[in-house]
Amino acid sequence: MSELKTARELILEVLMREKKALTPKEIQRLTNLNYNTVRGRLQDLKKKGLVVKTETGWIYKEYA
């Protein structure tokens, strides 16, 4: 089994750690993921009900 985390896991970890809304660009900078990957995975996480889009960015649902 691979120890590498998926893009979704990395994004969730960052949002949970920061406890505030982040833009895709900020998430990209903190995770070193491709910007388009970040945007796509945020949409996936939104569909799963794990993140919420606000006026200032994306936030983990529990902190919204």
C-alpha atoms as a PDB file:
ATOM      1  CA  MET A   1       0.000   0.000   0.000  1.00  0.00           C
ATOM      2  CA  SER A   2       1.264   3.451  -0.920  1.00  0.00           C
ATOM      3  CA  GLU A   3       2.070   5.983   1.794  1.00  0.00           C
ATOM      4  CA  LEU A   4       1.438   8.879  -0.585  1.00  0.00           C
ATOM      5  CA  LYS A   5      -1.661  10.874   0.175  1.00  0.00           C
ATOM      6  CA  THR A   6      -4.234  11.663  -2.461  1.00  0.00           C
ATOM      7  CA  ALA A   7      -4.880  15.232  -3.586  1.00  0.00           C
ATOM      8  CA  ARG A   8      -8.221  15.147  -1.769  1.00  0.00           C
ATOM      9  CA  GLU A   9      -6.552  14.083   1.481  1.00  0.00           C
ATOM     10  CA  LEU A  10      -3.926  16.822   1.195  1.00  0.00           C
ATOM     11  CA  ILE A  11      -6.556  19.493   0.534  1.00  0.00           C
ATOM     12  CA  LEU A  12      -8.722  18.337   3.438  1.00  0.00           C
ATOM     13  CA  GLU A  13      -5.725  18.312   5.786  1.00  0.00           C
ATOM     14  CA  VAL A  14      -4.836  21.896   4.842  1.00  0.00           C
ATOM     15  CA  LEU A  15      -8.407  23.134   5.281  1.00  0.00           C
ATOM     16  CA  MET A  16      -8.746  21.353   8.624  1.00  0.00           C
ATOM     17  CA  ARG A  17      -5.403  22.703   9.847  1.00  0.00           C
ATOM     18  CA  GLU A  18      -5.958  26.320   8.756  1.00  0.00           C
ATOM     19  CA  LYS A  19      -9.536  26.533  10.124  1.00  0.00           C
ATOM     20  CA  LYS A  20     -10.373  29.399   7.762  1.00  0.00           C
ATOM     21  CA  ALA A  21     -11.491  29.880   4.181  1.00  0.00           C
ATOM     22  CA  LEU A  22      -8.704  29.534   1.628  1.00  0.00           C
ATOM     23  CA  THR A  23      -8.635  30.341  -2.068  1.00  0.00           C
ATOM     24  CA  PRO A  24      -7.613  27.618  -4.527  1.00  0.00           C
ATOM     25  CA  LYS A  25      -4.352  29.551  -5.064  1.00  0.00           C
ATOM     26  CA  GLU A  26      -3.584  29.479  -1.319  1.00  0.00           C
ATOM     27  CA  ILE A  27      -4.377  25.759  -1.171  1.00  0.00           C
ATOM     28  CA  GLN A  28      -2.165  25.179  -4.201  1.00  0.00           C
ATOM     29  CA  ARG A  29       0.714  27.018  -2.508  1.00  0.00           C
ATOM     30  CA  LEU A  30       0.304  25.041   0.738  1.00  0.00           C
ATOM     31  CA  THR A  31      -0.001  21.618  -0.922  1.00  0.00           C
ATOM     32  CA  ASN A  32       2.265  22.032  -3.970  1.00  0.00           C
ATOM     33  CA  LEU A  33      -0.494  20.495  -6.083  1.00  0.00           C
ATOM     34  CA  ASN A  34      -1.336  21.658  -9.592  1.00  0.00           C
ATOM     35  CA  TYR A  35      -3.828  24.557  -9.515  1.00  0.00           C
ATOM     36  CA  ASN A  36      -6.313  22.774 -11.801  1.00  0.00           C
ATOM     37  CA  THR A  37      -6.048  19.636  -9.663  1.00  0.00           C
ATOM     38  CA  VAL A  38      -6.906  21.701  -6.581  1.00  0.00           C
ATOM     39  CA  ARG A  39      -9.954  23.198  -8.292  1.00  0.00           C
ATOM     40  CA  GLY A  40     -11.188  19.810  -9.460  1.00  0.00           C
ATOM     41  CA  ARG A  41     -10.708  18.100  -6.119  1.00  0.00           C
ATOM     42  CA  LEU A  42     -12.487  20.964  -4.324  1.00  0.00           C
ATOM     43  CA  GLN A  43     -15.526  20.316  -6.516  1.00  0.00           C
ATOM     44  CA  ASP A  44     -15.316  16.591  -5.670  1.00  0.00           C
ATOM     45  CA  LEU A  45     -15.110  17.375  -1.946  1.00  0.00           C
ATOM     46  CA  LYS A  46     -18.043  19.794  -2.252  1.00  0.00           C
ATOM     47  CA  LYS A  47     -20.177  17.059  -3.858  1.00  0.00           C
ATOM     48  CA  LYS A  48     -19.303  14.757  -0.945  1.00  0.00           C
ATOM     49  CA  GLY A  49     -20.371  17.466   1.508  1.00  0.00           C
ATOM     50  CA  LEU A  50     -16.934  17.860   3.082  1.00  0.00           C
ATOM     51  CA  VAL A  51     -16.143  21.452   2.087  1.00  0.00           C
ATOM     52  CA  VAL A  52     -18.145  24.624   1.552  1.00  0.00           C
ATOM     53  CA  LYS A  53     -17.456  27.507  -0.811  1.00  0.00           C
ATOM     54  CA  THR A  54     -17.776  30.932   0.824  1.00  0.00           C
ATOM     55  CA  GLU A  55     -17.324  34.480  -0.445  1.00  0.00           C
ATOM     56  CA  THR A  56     -13.660  34.390   0.588  1.00  0.00           C
ATOM     57  CA  GLY A  57     -12.737  30.849  -0.421  1.00  0.00           C
ATOM     58  CA  TRP A  58     -13.175  27.209   0.548  1.00  0.00           C
ATOM     59  CA  ILE A  59     -13.524  25.967   4.098  1.00  0.00           C
ATOM     60  CA  TYR A  60     -13.877  22.594   5.806  1.00  0.00           C
ATOM     61  CA  LYS A  61     -17.594  22.044   6.458  1.00  0.00           C
ATOM     62  CA  GLU A  62     -17.193  21.735  10.250  1.00  0.00           C
ATOM     63  CA  TYR A  63     -15.697  25.246  10.413  1.00  0.00           C
ATOM     64  CA  ALA A  64     -18.219  26.948   8.128  1.00  0.00           C
END
